[in-house]
Amino acid sequence: MELQQQFEAAVANSKTLSEKPDNETLLKLYSLYKQATDGDCTDAEPTNPFDFVARAKYQAWASLKGTSTTEAKEQYVALVTHLKAN
């Protein structure tokens, strides 16, 4: 199966996990998805110091700067496969 098809299947599978992953894993899924679909983060850092969720999401995605979309897709597929197996 082609990587794009594996990635799309993993995105669909991520929505049917038997239990909700912890926040750290959810941030990893989010950041890998954004890196795989949008590339490097070009958004401005959130300015509201009390919007902890937006800040965490921004930092998680920004930490992947320089990661290729192909590598992000591979990591996303591997993470979802691991979560589905557990």
Protein backbone atom coordinates (compact mmCIF):
# COMPACT_ATOMS: atom_id res chain seq x y z
CA MET A 1 0.00 0.00 0.00
CA GLU A 2 1.25 3.47 -0.87
CA LEU A 3 2.26 5.77 2.02
CA GLN A 4 -0.55 8.26 1.31
CA GLN A 5 -3.11 5.43 1.51
CA GLN A 6 -1.54 4.15 4.74
CA PHE A 7 -1.65 7.67 6.17
CA GLU A 8 -5.33 8.14 5.24
CA ALA A 9 -6.16 4.75 6.77
CA ALA A 10 -4.27 5.69 9.94
CA VAL A 11 -6.19 8.98 10.17
CA ALA A 12 -9.45 7.03 9.95
CA ASN A 13 -8.20 4.46 12.48
CA SER A 14 -7.15 7.18 14.92
CA LYS A 15 -10.81 8.10 15.29
CA THR A 16 -11.80 4.55 16.28
CA LEU A 17 -9.25 3.77 19.00
CA SER A 18 -10.65 1.62 21.80
CA GLU A 19 -9.64 4.19 24.41
CA LYS A 20 -8.65 7.84 24.29
CA PRO A 21 -4.86 8.34 24.35
CA ASP A 22 -3.24 10.50 27.01
CA ASN A 23 -2.69 14.21 26.30
CA GLU A 24 0.96 13.76 25.34
CA THR A 25 0.02 11.15 22.72
CA LEU A 26 -2.83 13.31 21.44
CA LEU A 27 -0.39 16.21 20.99
CA LYS A 28 1.99 13.89 19.12
CA LEU A 29 -0.84 12.76 16.83
CA TYR A 30 -1.90 16.36 16.24
CA SER A 31 1.60 17.63 15.51
CA LEU A 32 2.48 14.75 13.19
CA TYR A 33 -0.81 15.19 11.32
CA LYS A 34 -0.23 18.94 10.89
CA GLN A 35 3.38 18.40 9.80
CA ALA A 36 2.30 15.69 7.34
CA THR A 37 -0.50 17.74 5.82
CA ASP A 38 0.70 21.36 6.14
CA GLY A 39 4.49 21.11 6.52
CA ASP A 40 6.41 23.39 8.86
CA CYS A 41 4.38 25.53 11.24
CA THR A 42 3.99 29.06 9.92
CA ASP A 43 1.30 30.13 12.39
CA ALA A 44 2.07 32.86 14.88
CA GLU A 45 2.57 31.74 18.46
CA PRO A 46 -0.67 32.14 20.47
CA THR A 47 -0.70 35.45 22.32
CA ASN A 48 -3.19 34.55 25.05
CA PRO A 49 -1.05 33.30 27.95
CA PHE A 50 -4.02 31.44 29.41
CA ASP A 51 -4.85 29.45 26.27
CA PHE A 52 -2.80 26.46 27.38
CA VAL A 53 -4.26 24.11 24.77
CA ALA A 54 -3.44 26.39 21.83
CA ARG A 55 0.06 26.97 23.18
CA ALA A 56 0.70 23.24 23.67
CA LYS A 57 -0.55 22.46 20.16
CA TYR A 58 1.58 25.23 18.67
CA GLN A 59 4.71 24.09 20.51
CA ALA A 60 4.16 20.44 19.58
CA TRP A 61 3.80 21.29 15.89
CA ALA A 62 6.65 23.84 15.89
CA SER A 63 8.96 21.24 17.47
CA LEU A 64 8.71 19.19 14.26
CA LYS A 65 10.09 21.99 12.08
CA GLY A 66 12.31 20.53 9.39
CA THR A 67 10.65 17.11 9.48
CA SER A 68 9.63 16.11 5.97
CA THR A 69 5.98 15.42 5.23
CA THR A 70 6.95 11.87 4.26
CA GLU A 71 8.70 11.26 7.58
CA ALA A 72 5.77 12.77 9.50
CA LYS A 73 3.33 10.48 7.67
CA GLU A 74 5.50 7.44 8.43
CA GLN A 75 5.70 8.39 12.12
CA TYR A 76 1.94 9.03 12.26
CA VAL A 77 1.16 5.63 10.69
CA ALA A 78 3.57 3.91 13.11
CA LEU A 79 2.05 5.65 16.15
CA VAL A 80 -1.54 4.83 15.20
CA THR A 81 -0.56 1.22 14.41
CA HIS A 82 1.04 1.00 17.86
CA LEU A 83 -2.05 2.50 19.55
CA LYS A 84 -4.41 0.14 17.69
CA ALA A 85 -2.31 -2.88 18.75
CA ASN A 86 -2.58 -1.96 22.45
